[in-house]
């Protein structure tokens, strides 16, 4: 444990980081080429993602913010003041700030794999909320979810905003939610944002903004490979493609080769046919019935669901039973 200030107790669980090189070489060697989406987020990729959140076509941030703001008092009553609030993949700790004043948790546990970013975010949050006890936990929450020693007693409530669950396949979601159930114990809570199935044109526009930021974000993965892994991808020979796969209920993002070509990465060569693609990300969408079924199978029952008037996005509060 590292005490950053009187109110911040930093815990480093020393997560094992998958090598970027290892993941890229393994992914490009597969019959269906793919690269895990977590490797989007180098410095430039992170900046581009923040820019995506500001695009008018990408509705999720604004709709979720409006819901959390409008129903903050009701959400806080259901969670109960004095609870321990836990946020896997906390990032900048921005969205939790919509709830802190009304919720008044006994402690906040942000979890993130980026050690320095986690420290910076926790320190920034502490400056705004000096009364809040913060227990940052550096870990890969997709591999393990451990709580720091010394956190206060109280109801444990996990907060997952931003439709992060959409990046997992449904069986992985169920496994992940079961892990949250074990973490909170019976009577614990889960406050989660989930993107809904809707008109395909709305979904496709959200991942193909007219400013081209989503395309730039996707292609930056190749720029990163060129920079860090001695790659020679020609970005003019690949194009961003994102579309809603109705059969699988998900947005799929790909990088598509526009011609037959050979690419070198870390001394290894990879062949591409025209139209062959690298699968870079999925984002699953759920109807309320579909998500509640997944949650029930993981040991949660629905307490309350909030949605916008257009039924674009929902926030759920569930209880572990």
Protein backbone atom coordinates (compact mmCIF):
# COMPACT_ATOMS: atom_id res chain seq x y z
CA UNK A 1 0.00 0.00 0.00
CA UNK A 2 1.21 3.49 -0.85
CA UNK A 3 -0.42 6.42 0.95
CA UNK A 4 -0.55 9.27 -1.57
CA UNK A 5 -2.30 11.61 0.85
CA UNK A 6 -4.31 11.42 4.04
CA UNK A 7 -7.40 10.40 2.06
CA UNK A 8 -5.79 8.32 -0.74
CA UNK A 9 -4.43 4.80 -0.14
CA UNK A 10 -2.97 3.40 -3.39
CA UNK A 11 -2.85 -0.39 -3.82
CA UNK A 12 -0.81 -1.96 -6.62
CA UNK A 13 -1.82 -5.54 -7.42
CA UNK A 14 0.90 -5.60 -10.13
CA UNK A 15 -1.21 -6.79 -13.06
CA UNK A 16 0.53 -8.80 -15.76
CA UNK A 17 0.45 -6.80 -18.97
CA UNK A 18 0.05 -8.67 -22.23
CA UNK A 19 2.82 -7.61 -24.57
CA UNK A 20 1.66 -5.43 -27.46
CA UNK A 21 4.11 -7.25 -29.73
CA UNK A 22 2.93 -10.67 -28.58
CA UNK A 23 -0.74 -9.79 -29.07
CA UNK A 24 -0.23 -8.27 -32.53
CA UNK A 25 1.90 -11.12 -33.88
CA UNK A 26 -0.51 -13.69 -32.47
CA UNK A 27 -3.56 -11.83 -33.79
CA UNK A 28 -2.17 -11.32 -37.30
CA UNK A 29 -1.20 -15.01 -37.48
CA UNK A 30 -4.79 -16.15 -37.00
CA UNK A 31 -6.93 -17.24 -39.92
CA UNK A 32 -9.29 -14.40 -38.99
CA UNK A 33 -6.87 -11.61 -38.16
CA UNK A 34 -7.68 -9.63 -35.03
CA UNK A 35 -6.08 -7.30 -32.49
CA UNK A 36 -7.58 -6.75 -29.00
CA UNK A 37 -9.21 -3.32 -28.63
CA UNK A 38 -7.31 -2.52 -25.43
CA UNK A 39 -4.32 -1.71 -27.66
CA UNK A 40 -6.12 1.25 -29.22
CA UNK A 41 -5.16 3.37 -26.26
CA UNK A 42 -1.68 4.77 -26.71
CA UNK A 43 -1.42 8.51 -26.08
CA UNK A 44 -2.79 9.47 -29.50
CA UNK A 45 -5.47 6.78 -29.36
CA UNK A 46 -6.66 8.02 -25.98
CA UNK A 47 -6.89 11.57 -27.30
CA UNK A 48 -8.84 10.40 -30.34
CA UNK A 49 -11.24 8.44 -28.15
CA UNK A 50 -11.93 11.55 -26.09
CA UNK A 51 -12.65 13.35 -29.37
CA UNK A 52 -15.09 10.59 -30.40
CA UNK A 53 -17.05 11.21 -27.21
CA UNK A 54 -17.62 14.79 -28.36
CA UNK A 55 -18.98 13.91 -31.81
CA UNK A 56 -22.70 14.64 -32.29
CA UNK A 57 -23.35 11.17 -33.72
CA UNK A 58 -21.96 9.43 -30.63
CA UNK A 59 -24.97 9.75 -28.33
CA UNK A 60 -23.88 7.58 -25.37
CA UNK A 61 -21.99 10.13 -23.21
CA UNK A 62 -24.66 12.83 -23.33
CA UNK A 63 -27.61 10.49 -22.83
CA UNK A 64 -25.94 8.70 -19.92
CA UNK A 65 -24.86 11.98 -18.32
CA UNK A 66 -28.42 13.29 -18.55
CA UNK A 67 -29.80 10.12 -16.94
CA UNK A 68 -27.29 10.10 -14.08
CA UNK A 69 -27.88 13.80 -13.44
CA UNK A 70 -31.68 13.64 -13.60
CA UNK A 71 -31.95 10.60 -11.35
CA UNK A 72 -28.96 11.14 -9.05
CA UNK A 73 -31.10 11.50 -5.93
CA UNK A 74 -33.18 8.41 -6.68
CA UNK A 75 -30.06 6.41 -7.55
CA UNK A 76 -28.42 7.49 -4.30
CA UNK A 77 -31.44 6.46 -2.24
CA UNK A 78 -31.37 2.99 -3.79
CA UNK A 79 -27.62 2.57 -3.35
CA UNK A 80 -27.77 3.97 0.22
CA UNK A 81 -25.40 6.66 1.55
CA UNK A 82 -22.31 5.25 3.23
CA UNK A 83 -21.85 2.47 0.68
CA UNK A 84 -18.45 1.57 -0.75
CA UNK A 85 -18.48 2.55 -4.44
CA UNK A 86 -16.25 0.46 -6.75
CA UNK A 87 -15.54 1.43 -10.37
CA UNK A 88 -13.69 -1.04 -12.65
CA UNK A 89 -11.98 0.73 -15.55
CA UNK A 90 -12.38 4.07 -13.81
CA UNK A 91 -10.23 6.07 -16.25
CA UNK A 92 -10.51 9.78 -15.49
CA UNK A 93 -13.11 9.24 -12.72
CA UNK A 94 -15.33 11.77 -14.49
CA UNK A 95 -18.75 10.09 -14.44
CA UNK A 96 -18.66 9.12 -10.79
CA UNK A 97 -18.58 12.82 -9.96
CA UNK A 98 -22.21 13.06 -11.08
CA UNK A 99 -23.15 10.91 -8.07
CA UNK A 100 -20.73 11.74 -5.27
CA UNK A 101 -22.51 14.74 -3.77
CA UNK A 102 -25.84 12.96 -3.49
CA UNK A 103 -24.49 9.51 -2.68
CA UNK A 104 -21.84 10.42 -0.07
CA UNK A 105 -20.09 7.02 -0.15
CA UNK A 106 -17.90 5.94 2.76
CA UNK A 107 -15.17 5.11 0.23
CA UNK A 108 -14.50 5.06 -3.50
CA UNK A 109 -12.38 2.31 -5.12
CA UNK A 110 -11.31 3.23 -8.68
CA UNK A 111 -9.75 0.31 -10.57
CA UNK A 112 -7.54 0.74 -13.61
CA UNK A 113 -4.63 -1.00 -15.29
CA UNK A 114 -2.78 2.27 -16.04
CA UNK A 115 -0.79 2.91 -12.87
CA UNK A 116 0.22 6.54 -13.35
CA UNK A 117 -3.10 7.58 -14.87
CA UNK A 118 -4.88 5.99 -11.91
CA UNK A 119 -2.75 7.95 -9.46
CA UNK A 120 -3.29 11.21 -11.34
CA UNK A 121 -7.05 10.69 -11.57
CA UNK A 122 -7.31 9.83 -7.87
CA UNK A 123 -5.32 12.91 -6.86
CA UNK A 124 -7.44 15.13 -9.10
CA UNK A 125 -10.63 13.69 -7.64
CA UNK A 126 -9.36 14.16 -4.09
CA UNK A 127 -8.74 17.85 -4.74
CA UNK A 128 -12.40 18.27 -5.75
CA UNK A 129 -13.77 16.06 -2.96
CA UNK A 130 -11.34 16.31 -0.03
CA UNK A 131 -13.80 14.51 2.27
CA UNK A 132 -13.79 11.34 0.13
CA UNK A 133 -11.69 8.32 1.16
CA UNK A 134 -10.18 6.93 -2.06
CA UNK A 135 -8.56 3.49 -2.43
CA UNK A 136 -7.14 3.29 -5.99
CA UNK A 137 -6.45 -0.31 -7.07
CA UNK A 138 -4.07 -0.94 -9.97
CA UNK A 139 -5.22 -4.17 -11.59
CA UNK A 140 -6.65 -5.69 -14.77
CA UNK A 141 -10.30 -5.99 -13.79
CA UNK A 142 -10.95 -8.41 -16.67
CA UNK A 143 -8.54 -10.87 -15.04
CA UNK A 144 -9.02 -10.23 -11.33
CA UNK A 145 -11.11 -7.96 -9.16
CA UNK A 146 -9.61 -7.61 -5.69
CA UNK A 147 -10.47 -5.07 -3.04
CA UNK A 148 -7.76 -3.22 -1.12
CA UNK A 149 -7.29 -4.00 2.55
CA UNK A 150 -8.66 -1.47 5.00
CA UNK A 151 -11.70 -0.23 3.11
CA UNK A 152 -14.65 0.64 5.36
CA UNK A 153 -17.46 -1.78 6.05
CA UNK A 154 -20.68 -1.11 4.23
CA UNK A 155 -22.69 -2.14 1.24
CA UNK A 156 -20.48 -2.73 -1.80
CA UNK A 157 -21.77 -1.26 -5.04
CA UNK A 158 -20.02 -1.59 -8.41
CA UNK A 159 -20.40 1.25 -10.94
CA UNK A 160 -19.85 0.52 -14.66
CA UNK A 161 -20.83 3.49 -16.84
CA UNK A 162 -20.40 4.05 -20.55
CA UNK A 163 -21.60 0.71 -21.93
CA UNK A 164 -18.21 -0.90 -21.21
CA UNK A 165 -19.90 -4.29 -20.94
CA UNK A 166 -20.63 -4.08 -24.66
CA UNK A 167 -17.00 -4.90 -25.46
CA UNK A 168 -17.40 -8.38 -23.94
CA UNK A 169 -19.08 -11.33 -25.66
CA UNK A 170 -22.30 -12.35 -23.83
CA UNK A 171 -20.72 -15.42 -22.13
CA UNK A 172 -17.89 -13.16 -20.96
CA UNK A 173 -20.44 -10.66 -19.62
CA UNK A 174 -22.09 -13.39 -17.57
CA UNK A 175 -18.71 -14.54 -16.23
CA UNK A 176 -17.76 -10.95 -15.41
CA UNK A 177 -21.05 -10.23 -13.66
CA UNK A 178 -20.67 -13.43 -11.64
CA UNK A 179 -17.29 -12.12 -10.49
CA UNK A 180 -18.93 -8.86 -9.42
CA UNK A 181 -21.50 -10.87 -7.46
CA UNK A 182 -18.68 -12.61 -5.58
CA UNK A 183 -17.04 -9.25 -4.92
CA UNK A 184 -20.11 -7.52 -3.53
CA UNK A 185 -21.72 -10.49 -1.82
CA UNK A 186 -25.47 -10.90 -1.34
CA UNK A 187 -27.13 -7.54 -0.89
CA UNK A 188 -24.46 -5.75 -2.89
CA UNK A 189 -25.36 -3.57 -5.84
CA UNK A 190 -24.49 -2.94 -9.48
CA UNK A 191 -25.14 0.35 -11.28
CA UNK A 192 -24.42 -0.16 -14.97
CA UNK A 193 -24.95 1.63 -18.28
CA UNK A 194 -26.04 -0.48 -21.26
CA UNK A 195 -26.47 0.60 -24.87
CA UNK A 196 -29.75 -0.55 -26.38
CA UNK A 197 -30.67 -2.09 -29.70
CA UNK A 198 -32.15 0.55 -31.96
CA UNK A 199 -32.46 1.75 -35.54
CA UNK A 200 -29.38 0.55 -37.43
CA UNK A 201 -28.82 3.96 -38.99
CA UNK A 202 -28.34 5.52 -35.54
CA UNK A 203 -25.86 2.81 -34.53
CA UNK A 204 -23.90 2.93 -37.77
CA UNK A 205 -23.66 6.73 -37.65
CA UNK A 206 -22.30 6.62 -34.08
CA UNK A 207 -19.29 4.59 -35.23
CA UNK A 208 -18.82 6.37 -38.57
CA UNK A 209 -18.91 10.06 -37.60
CA UNK A 210 -18.80 12.56 -40.43
CA UNK A 211 -15.65 14.18 -39.00
CA UNK A 212 -13.80 10.89 -39.50
CA UNK A 213 -12.57 10.65 -35.90
CA UNK A 214 -13.67 7.02 -35.49
CA UNK A 215 -11.82 6.10 -38.68
CA UNK A 216 -8.72 7.91 -37.48
CA UNK A 217 -8.99 6.15 -34.11
CA UNK A 218 -9.19 2.72 -35.77
CA UNK A 219 -6.34 3.39 -38.21
CA UNK A 220 -4.14 4.75 -35.41
CA UNK A 221 -3.71 1.14 -34.31
CA UNK A 222 -1.66 0.57 -37.47
CA UNK A 223 0.29 3.77 -36.84
CA UNK A 224 1.13 2.47 -33.37
CA UNK A 225 2.30 -0.87 -34.82
CA UNK A 226 4.53 0.98 -37.29
CA UNK A 227 5.98 3.15 -34.53
CA UNK A 228 6.48 0.57 -31.79
CA UNK A 229 6.89 -2.74 -33.64
CA UNK A 230 8.86 -1.76 -36.75
CA UNK A 231 5.80 -2.23 -38.92
CA UNK A 232 5.36 -1.01 -42.47
CA UNK A 233 1.58 -0.74 -42.76
CA UNK A 234 0.58 1.73 -45.49
CA UNK A 235 -2.50 3.42 -44.02
CA UNK A 236 -3.66 4.41 -47.51
CA UNK A 237 -4.11 0.70 -48.24
CA UNK A 238 -6.48 0.08 -45.33
CA UNK A 239 -9.87 1.57 -44.56
CA UNK A 240 -12.04 1.82 -41.47
CA UNK A 241 -15.24 -0.18 -41.59
CA UNK A 242 -17.82 -0.28 -38.80
CA UNK A 243 -21.32 -1.69 -39.11
CA UNK A 244 -24.10 -3.22 -37.08
CA UNK A 245 -24.28 -7.01 -37.35
CA UNK A 246 -27.97 -7.64 -36.72
CA UNK A 247 -27.56 -11.41 -36.38
CA UNK A 248 -25.04 -11.03 -33.56
CA UNK A 249 -26.50 -7.86 -32.06
CA UNK A 250 -23.26 -5.92 -32.15
CA UNK A 251 -21.31 -3.20 -33.87
CA UNK A 252 -18.17 -4.64 -35.46
CA UNK A 253 -15.09 -2.57 -36.27
CA UNK A 254 -12.57 -3.71 -38.87
CA UNK A 255 -9.55 -2.49 -40.79
CA UNK A 256 -10.01 -3.66 -44.38
CA UNK A 257 -7.20 -4.23 -46.88
CA UNK A 258 -7.97 -2.44 -50.16
CA UNK A 259 -5.60 -4.64 -52.18
CA UNK A 260 -3.39 -7.73 -52.15
CA UNK A 261 -0.35 -6.84 -50.07
CA UNK A 262 2.34 -8.04 -47.70
CA UNK A 263 3.04 -6.32 -44.39
CA UNK A 264 6.05 -6.65 -42.10
CA UNK A 265 5.82 -6.42 -38.30
CA UNK A 266 8.81 -7.09 -36.01
CA UNK A 267 10.57 -8.97 -38.79
CA UNK A 268 7.62 -11.23 -39.57
CA UNK A 269 5.61 -11.01 -42.80
CA UNK A 270 1.83 -11.23 -43.16
CA UNK A 271 -0.18 -11.60 -46.36
CA UNK A 272 -3.45 -9.79 -47.02
CA UNK A 273 -5.91 -10.46 -49.82
CA UNK A 274 -8.10 -7.69 -51.19
CA UNK A 275 -11.03 -7.22 -48.80
CA UNK A 276 -9.39 -9.16 -45.97
CA UNK A 277 -9.80 -7.46 -42.62
CA UNK A 278 -8.39 -7.16 -39.14
CA UNK A 279 -11.18 -7.36 -36.55
CA UNK A 280 -10.46 -4.68 -33.95
CA UNK A 281 -13.55 -4.30 -31.76
CA UNK A 282 -17.10 -5.41 -30.95
CA UNK A 283 -19.76 -3.40 -29.15
CA UNK A 284 -22.80 -5.47 -28.18
CA UNK A 285 -26.23 -3.88 -27.82
CA UNK A 286 -28.94 -5.32 -25.58
CA UNK A 287 -32.68 -4.97 -25.26
CA UNK A 288 -33.79 -4.64 -21.61
CA UNK A 289 -35.08 -8.22 -21.60
CA UNK A 290 -31.78 -9.55 -22.96
CA UNK A 291 -29.66 -7.73 -20.42
CA UNK A 292 -31.90 -8.57 -17.47
CA UNK A 293 -31.75 -12.25 -18.48
CA UNK A 294 -27.94 -12.09 -18.43
CA UNK A 295 -27.97 -10.33 -15.07
CA UNK A 296 -30.42 -12.84 -13.56
CA UNK A 297 -28.21 -15.72 -14.71
CA UNK A 298 -25.30 -14.07 -12.88
CA UNK A 299 -27.14 -13.75 -9.57
CA UNK A 300 -28.61 -10.24 -9.84
CA UNK A 301 -32.19 -9.02 -9.76
CA UNK A 302 -33.42 -5.78 -11.28
CA UNK A 303 -34.32 -3.02 -8.84
CA UNK A 304 -34.75 -0.10 -11.27
CA UNK A 305 -34.08 0.84 -14.89
CA UNK A 306 -33.87 4.40 -16.25
CA UNK A 307 -34.02 5.19 -19.99
CA UNK A 308 -34.15 8.29 -22.15
CA UNK A 309 -37.30 9.19 -24.08
CA UNK A 310 -35.87 7.84 -27.35
CA UNK A 311 -34.83 4.53 -25.74
CA UNK A 312 -31.25 4.92 -26.90
CA UNK A 313 -29.56 3.95 -23.64
CA UNK A 314 -30.43 2.56 -20.20
CA UNK A 315 -28.95 2.68 -16.72
CA UNK A 316 -29.77 -0.28 -14.47
CA UNK A 317 -29.51 -0.74 -10.73
CA UNK A 318 -29.36 -4.41 -9.75
CA UNK A 319 -28.99 -6.20 -6.44
CA UNK A 320 -26.93 -9.33 -5.79
CA UNK A 321 -29.14 -12.12 -4.43
